[in-house]
Amino acid sequence: MSVTRRVQQWATFARTWHVYDCTWQNPFESASLIRKHLMGLHKPIYHPMNDCGDHVVVINTAEIALPGDEWKKRVYFHHTGYAGGASWTLAWELHEKDPTQIMKKAIYRSMHGNLQRRHTMQRLHLFKDDNVPQEILENITNQIRQPRRVPERLDQMDPDLVKNFPKIMDYPKDYVLR
């Protein structure tokens, strides 16, 4: 076996670590991308009963973007197991309690019908911001690309570029914004 083939085979069977940035991303679109790496769907040796998935580190889960009016309308269900233990929580309330929970539930739901999804979720590492422990950062070898392009914020742009940007009209000097 050649050296390059040996390295390729080791990379196929090894668990690699991927990082994914959730800034301004839809958690449901992101969940399908992350699911592929957690379950090992991107590997040639994938089989539904084979546990060949990789670790995925998801950062900035506090900055996700739900589409439309979903912050107010999407409801998450939880049951304690006791009588009368059912609770329904709106997305914005759940996000205030724990910023990682919406992303975790989206990824868990995207692996529907999979008997190994509880074990697979143990390889998912969620962080509400970009503060990741050093021992995890040392393992990361790949980055999962975001489906949406993150626009540049106006306060972070070059002032000359903002000043020279084409305008439709200039406001009068006595105009008051409310």
C-alpha atoms as a PDB file:
ATOM      1  CA  MET A   1       0.000   0.000   0.000  1.00  0.00           C
ATOM      2  CA  SER A   2       1.408   3.390  -0.970  1.00  0.00           C
ATOM      3  CA  VAL A   3       1.990   6.145   1.546  1.00  0.00           C
ATOM      4  CA  THR A   4      -0.744   8.385   0.102  1.00  0.00           C
ATOM      5  CA  ARG A   5      -3.297   5.568   0.148  1.00  0.00           C
ATOM      6  CA  ARG A   6      -2.396   4.761   3.741  1.00  0.00           C
ATOM      7  CA  VAL A   7      -2.949   8.373   4.827  1.00  0.00           C
ATOM      8  CA  GLN A   8      -6.233   8.494   2.912  1.00  0.00           C
ATOM      9  CA  GLN A   9      -7.412   5.308   4.628  1.00  0.00           C
ATOM     10  CA  TRP A  10      -6.421   6.612   8.065  1.00  0.00           C
ATOM     11  CA  ALA A  11      -8.315   9.852   7.386  1.00  0.00           C
ATOM     12  CA  THR A  12     -11.393   7.871   6.366  1.00  0.00           C
ATOM     13  CA  PHE A  13     -11.520   5.789   9.533  1.00  0.00           C
ATOM     14  CA  ALA A  14     -10.374   8.517  11.945  1.00  0.00           C
ATOM     15  CA  ARG A  15     -12.764  10.881  13.694  1.00  0.00           C
ATOM     16  CA  THR A  16     -11.904  14.368  12.522  1.00  0.00           C
ATOM     17  CA  TRP A  17     -13.053  17.593  14.156  1.00  0.00           C
ATOM     18  CA  HIS A  18     -14.994  20.216  12.203  1.00  0.00           C
ATOM     19  CA  VAL A  19     -15.958  23.757  13.213  1.00  0.00           C
ATOM     20  CA  TYR A  20     -19.129  25.554  12.091  1.00  0.00           C
ATOM     21  CA  ASP A  21     -19.944  29.228  12.687  1.00  0.00           C
ATOM     22  CA  CYS A  22     -23.678  29.895  13.228  1.00  0.00           C
ATOM     23  CA  THR A  23     -23.523  33.676  12.867  1.00  0.00           C
ATOM     24  CA  TRP A  24     -26.661  34.828  10.976  1.00  0.00           C
ATOM     25  CA  GLN A  25     -27.463  31.279   9.824  1.00  0.00           C
ATOM     26  CA  ASN A  26     -30.812  29.491   9.750  1.00  0.00           C
ATOM     27  CA  PRO A  27     -30.532  26.661  12.312  1.00  0.00           C
ATOM     28  CA  PHE A  28     -32.667  24.293  10.231  1.00  0.00           C
ATOM     29  CA  GLU A  29     -30.531  24.683   7.089  1.00  0.00           C
ATOM     30  CA  SER A  30     -27.397  24.416   9.213  1.00  0.00           C
ATOM     31  CA  ALA A  31     -28.675  21.269  10.927  1.00  0.00           C
ATOM     32  CA  SER A  32     -28.715  19.305   7.668  1.00  0.00           C
ATOM     33  CA  LEU A  33     -25.078  20.265   6.975  1.00  0.00           C
ATOM     34  CA  ILE A  34     -23.929  19.422  10.490  1.00  0.00           C
ATOM     35  CA  ARG A  35     -25.880  16.147  10.475  1.00  0.00           C
ATOM     36  CA  LYS A  36     -23.869  14.870   7.492  1.00  0.00           C
ATOM     37  CA  HIS A  37     -20.612  15.272   9.385  1.00  0.00           C
ATOM     38  CA  LEU A  38     -21.941  13.959  12.709  1.00  0.00           C
ATOM     39  CA  MET A  39     -23.313  10.788  11.122  1.00  0.00           C
ATOM     40  CA  GLY A  40     -20.413  10.300   8.688  1.00  0.00           C
ATOM     41  CA  LEU A  41     -22.543  10.633   5.540  1.00  0.00           C
ATOM     42  CA  HIS A  42     -19.618  12.337   3.768  1.00  0.00           C
ATOM     43  CA  LYS A  43     -17.389   9.251   4.176  1.00  0.00           C
ATOM     44  CA  PRO A  44     -17.226   6.406   1.645  1.00  0.00           C
ATOM     45  CA  ILE A  45     -17.525   3.788   4.418  1.00  0.00           C
ATOM     46  CA  TYR A  46     -20.893   5.079   5.676  1.00  0.00           C
ATOM     47  CA  HIS A  47     -23.543   2.544   6.607  1.00  0.00           C
ATOM     48  CA  PRO A  48     -26.660   3.267   8.731  1.00  0.00           C
ATOM     49  CA  MET A  49     -25.502   0.847  11.446  1.00  0.00           C
ATOM     50  CA  ASN A  50     -21.864   1.989  11.287  1.00  0.00           C
ATOM     51  CA  ASP A  51     -20.710   4.621  13.785  1.00  0.00           C
ATOM     52  CA  CYS A  52     -18.193   6.518  11.649  1.00  0.00           C
ATOM     53  CA  GLY A  53     -19.208  10.145  12.250  1.00  0.00           C
ATOM     54  CA  ASP A  54     -16.947  13.018  13.198  1.00  0.00           C
ATOM     55  CA  HIS A  55     -16.941  15.616  15.966  1.00  0.00           C
ATOM     56  CA  VAL A  56     -18.507  18.998  15.151  1.00  0.00           C
ATOM     57  CA  VAL A  57     -17.865  22.172  17.153  1.00  0.00           C
ATOM     58  CA  VAL A  58     -20.611  24.760  16.612  1.00  0.00           C
ATOM     59  CA  ILE A  59     -19.766  28.319  17.679  1.00  0.00           C
ATOM     60  CA  ASN A  60     -21.829  31.529  17.963  1.00  0.00           C
ATOM     61  CA  THR A  61     -25.171  29.792  18.506  1.00  0.00           C
ATOM     62  CA  ALA A  62     -26.415  32.947  20.240  1.00  0.00           C
ATOM     63  CA  GLU A  63     -26.338  34.745  16.866  1.00  0.00           C
ATOM     64  CA  ILE A  64     -28.605  32.450  14.838  1.00  0.00           C
ATOM     65  CA  ALA A  65     -31.262  33.924  12.544  1.00  0.00           C
ATOM     66  CA  LEU A  66     -34.700  32.341  12.344  1.00  0.00           C
ATOM     67  CA  PRO A  67     -36.621  33.138   9.131  1.00  0.00           C
ATOM     68  CA  GLY A  68     -39.604  35.464   9.099  1.00  0.00           C
ATOM     69  CA  ASP A  69     -41.670  35.653  12.271  1.00  0.00           C
ATOM     70  CA  GLU A  70     -40.447  32.350  13.717  1.00  0.00           C
ATOM     71  CA  TRP A  71     -39.034  33.883  16.904  1.00  0.00           C
ATOM     72  CA  LYS A  72     -42.598  34.633  18.008  1.00  0.00           C
ATOM     73  CA  LYS A  73     -44.442  31.708  16.415  1.00  0.00           C
ATOM     74  CA  ARG A  74     -42.194  28.633  16.684  1.00  0.00           C
ATOM     75  CA  VAL A  75     -42.990  26.566  19.774  1.00  0.00           C
ATOM     76  CA  TYR A  76     -40.788  23.904  21.373  1.00  0.00           C
ATOM     77  CA  PHE A  77     -42.338  21.055  23.360  1.00  0.00           C
ATOM     78  CA  HIS A  78     -40.887  19.420  26.454  1.00  0.00           C
ATOM     79  CA  HIS A  79     -42.335  16.820  28.805  1.00  0.00           C
ATOM     80  CA  THR A  80     -40.905  15.898  32.199  1.00  0.00           C
ATOM     81  CA  GLY A  81     -42.447  12.428  32.208  1.00  0.00           C
ATOM     82  CA  TYR A  82     -44.774  13.186  35.087  1.00  0.00           C
ATOM     83  CA  ALA A  83     -48.507  13.791  34.827  1.00  0.00           C
ATOM     84  CA  GLY A  84     -49.138  17.380  33.795  1.00  0.00           C
ATOM     85  CA  GLY A  85     -45.460  17.847  32.947  1.00  0.00           C
ATOM     86  CA  ALA A  86     -45.971  19.094  29.402  1.00  0.00           C
ATOM     87  CA  SER A  87     -44.655  22.550  28.558  1.00  0.00           C
ATOM     88  CA  TRP A  88     -44.530  24.593  25.369  1.00  0.00           C
ATOM     89  CA  THR A  89     -41.900  27.307  25.066  1.00  0.00           C
ATOM     90  CA  LEU A  90     -41.638  30.001  22.378  1.00  0.00           C
ATOM     91  CA  ALA A  91     -38.371  30.176  20.443  1.00  0.00           C
ATOM     92  CA  TRP A  92     -37.304  33.557  21.820  1.00  0.00           C
ATOM     93  CA  GLU A  93     -37.916  32.398  25.407  1.00  0.00           C
ATOM     94  CA  LEU A  94     -35.912  29.209  24.869  1.00  0.00           C
ATOM     95  CA  HIS A  95     -33.118  31.225  23.243  1.00  0.00           C
ATOM     96  CA  GLU A  96     -32.976  33.584  26.228  1.00  0.00           C
ATOM     97  CA  LYS A  97     -32.730  30.651  28.674  1.00  0.00           C
ATOM     98  CA  ASP A  98     -30.078  28.739  26.732  1.00  0.00           C
ATOM     99  CA  PRO A  99     -28.677  30.102  23.412  1.00  0.00           C
ATOM    100  CA  THR A 100     -27.464  26.639  22.359  1.00  0.00           C
ATOM    101  CA  GLN A 101     -30.774  24.824  22.788  1.00  0.00           C
ATOM    102  CA  ILE A 102     -32.471  25.804  19.486  1.00  0.00           C
ATOM    103  CA  MET A 103     -29.462  24.617  17.483  1.00  0.00           C
ATOM    104  CA  LYS A 104     -29.285  21.387  19.501  1.00  0.00           C
ATOM    105  CA  LYS A 105     -32.973  20.636  18.934  1.00  0.00           C
ATOM    106  CA  ALA A 106     -32.698  21.432  15.206  1.00  0.00           C
ATOM    107  CA  ILE A 107     -29.785  19.013  14.747  1.00  0.00           C
ATOM    108  CA  TYR A 108     -31.456  16.313  16.860  1.00  0.00           C
ATOM    109  CA  ARG A 109     -34.644  16.619  14.805  1.00  0.00           C
ATOM    110  CA  SER A 110     -32.747  16.492  11.495  1.00  0.00           C
ATOM    111  CA  MET A 111     -31.514  12.986  12.420  1.00  0.00           C
ATOM    112  CA  HIS A 112     -35.087  11.637  12.490  1.00  0.00           C
ATOM    113  CA  GLY A 113     -35.537   7.876  12.461  1.00  0.00           C
ATOM    114  CA  ASN A 114     -31.939   7.203  13.468  1.00  0.00           C
ATOM    115  CA  LEU A 115     -31.574   4.841  16.421  1.00  0.00           C
ATOM    116  CA  GLN A 116     -28.050   6.077  17.140  1.00  0.00           C
ATOM    117  CA  ARG A 117     -28.843   9.776  17.302  1.00  0.00           C
ATOM    118  CA  ARG A 118     -28.473  10.023  21.094  1.00  0.00           C
ATOM    119  CA  HIS A 119     -24.947   8.610  20.846  1.00  0.00           C
ATOM    120  CA  THR A 120     -24.238  10.733  17.786  1.00  0.00           C
ATOM    121  CA  MET A 121     -25.241  13.919  19.622  1.00  0.00           C
ATOM    122  CA  GLN A 122     -22.429  13.287  22.128  1.00  0.00           C
ATOM    123  CA  ARG A 123     -19.977  14.269  19.374  1.00  0.00           C
ATOM    124  CA  LEU A 124     -21.675  17.654  18.984  1.00  0.00           C
ATOM    125  CA  HIS A 125     -20.060  20.506  20.924  1.00  0.00           C
ATOM    126  CA  LEU A 126     -22.144  23.702  21.116  1.00  0.00           C
ATOM    127  CA  PHE A 127     -20.883  27.111  22.285  1.00  0.00           C
ATOM    128  CA  LYS A 128     -22.928  30.305  22.508  1.00  0.00           C
ATOM    129  CA  ASP A 129     -19.966  32.466  21.443  1.00  0.00           C
ATOM    130  CA  ASP A 130     -16.509  31.926  19.973  1.00  0.00           C
ATOM    131  CA  ASN A 131     -14.878  31.152  23.344  1.00  0.00           C
ATOM    132  CA  VAL A 132     -13.909  27.508  22.878  1.00  0.00           C
ATOM    133  CA  PRO A 133     -11.631  25.626  25.315  1.00  0.00           C
ATOM    134  CA  GLN A 134      -8.050  25.287  24.098  1.00  0.00           C
ATOM    135  CA  GLU A 135      -8.057  21.460  24.242  1.00  0.00           C
ATOM    136  CA  ILE A 136     -10.955  21.405  21.752  1.00  0.00           C
ATOM    137  CA  LEU A 137      -9.368  24.023  19.469  1.00  0.00           C
ATOM    138  CA  GLU A 138      -6.236  21.888  19.172  1.00  0.00           C
ATOM    139  CA  ASN A 139      -8.263  19.052  17.611  1.00  0.00           C
ATOM    140  CA  ILE A 140     -10.092  21.068  14.909  1.00  0.00           C
ATOM    141  CA  THR A 141      -8.857  20.319  11.394  1.00  0.00           C
ATOM    142  CA  ASN A 142     -11.708  21.382   9.093  1.00  0.00           C
ATOM    143  CA  GLN A 143     -14.320  24.105   8.699  1.00  0.00           C
ATOM    144  CA  ILE A 144     -17.867  23.527   7.425  1.00  0.00           C
ATOM    145  CA  ARG A 145     -18.890  26.300   5.031  1.00  0.00           C
ATOM    146  CA  GLN A 146     -21.961  28.373   5.852  1.00  0.00           C
ATOM    147  CA  PRO A 147     -24.946  28.175   3.468  1.00  0.00           C
ATOM    148  CA  ARG A 148     -25.606  31.929   3.756  1.00  0.00           C
ATOM    149  CA  ARG A 149     -23.087  34.695   3.243  1.00  0.00           C
ATOM    150  CA  VAL A 150     -22.751  36.884   6.338  1.00  0.00           C
ATOM    151  CA  PRO A 151     -23.078  40.550   5.295  1.00  0.00           C
ATOM    152  CA  GLU A 152     -20.571  43.082   6.516  1.00  0.00           C
ATOM    153  CA  ARG A 153     -21.923  45.355   9.235  1.00  0.00           C
ATOM    154  CA  LEU A 154     -22.134  49.077   8.520  1.00  0.00           C
ATOM    155  CA  ASP A 155     -20.253  50.045  11.684  1.00  0.00           C
ATOM    156  CA  GLN A 156     -17.365  47.753  10.698  1.00  0.00           C
ATOM    157  CA  MET A 157     -17.014  49.084   7.135  1.00  0.00           C
ATOM    158  CA  ASP A 158     -14.395  51.602   6.037  1.00  0.00           C
ATOM    159  CA  PRO A 159     -15.761  55.169   6.580  1.00  0.00           C
ATOM    160  CA  ASP A 160     -14.610  56.257   3.103  1.00  0.00           C
ATOM    161  CA  LEU A 161     -16.563  53.407   1.516  1.00  0.00           C
ATOM    162  CA  VAL A 162     -19.706  54.366   3.443  1.00  0.00           C
ATOM    163  CA  LYS A 163     -19.291  58.042   2.528  1.00  0.00           C
ATOM    164  CA  ASN A 164     -18.843  57.309  -1.204  1.00  0.00           C
ATOM    165  CA  PHE A 165     -21.678  54.782  -1.388  1.00  0.00           C
ATOM    166  CA  PRO A 166     -24.297  55.899  -3.961  1.00  0.00           C
ATOM    167  CA  LYS A 167     -27.336  57.546  -2.363  1.00  0.00           C
ATOM    168  CA  ILE A 168     -30.867  57.856  -3.692  1.00  0.00           C
ATOM    169  CA  MET A 169     -31.424  61.156  -1.891  1.00  0.00           C
ATOM    170  CA  ASP A 170     -30.043  63.352   0.855  1.00  0.00           C
ATOM    171  CA  TYR A 171     -32.222  64.162   3.834  1.00  0.00           C
ATOM    172  CA  PRO A 172     -32.859  67.845   4.592  1.00  0.00           C
ATOM    173  CA  LYS A 173     -30.879  69.237   7.522  1.00  0.00           C
ATOM    174  CA  ASP A 174     -34.026  69.836   9.584  1.00  0.00           C
ATOM    175  CA  TYR A 175     -35.322  66.250   9.055  1.00  0.00           C
ATOM    176  CA  VAL A 176     -35.918  64.362  12.326  1.00  0.00           C
ATOM    177  CA  LEU A 177     -35.854  60.545  12.511  1.00  0.00           C
ATOM    178  CA  ARG A 178     -38.414  59.063  14.888  1.00  0.00           C
END
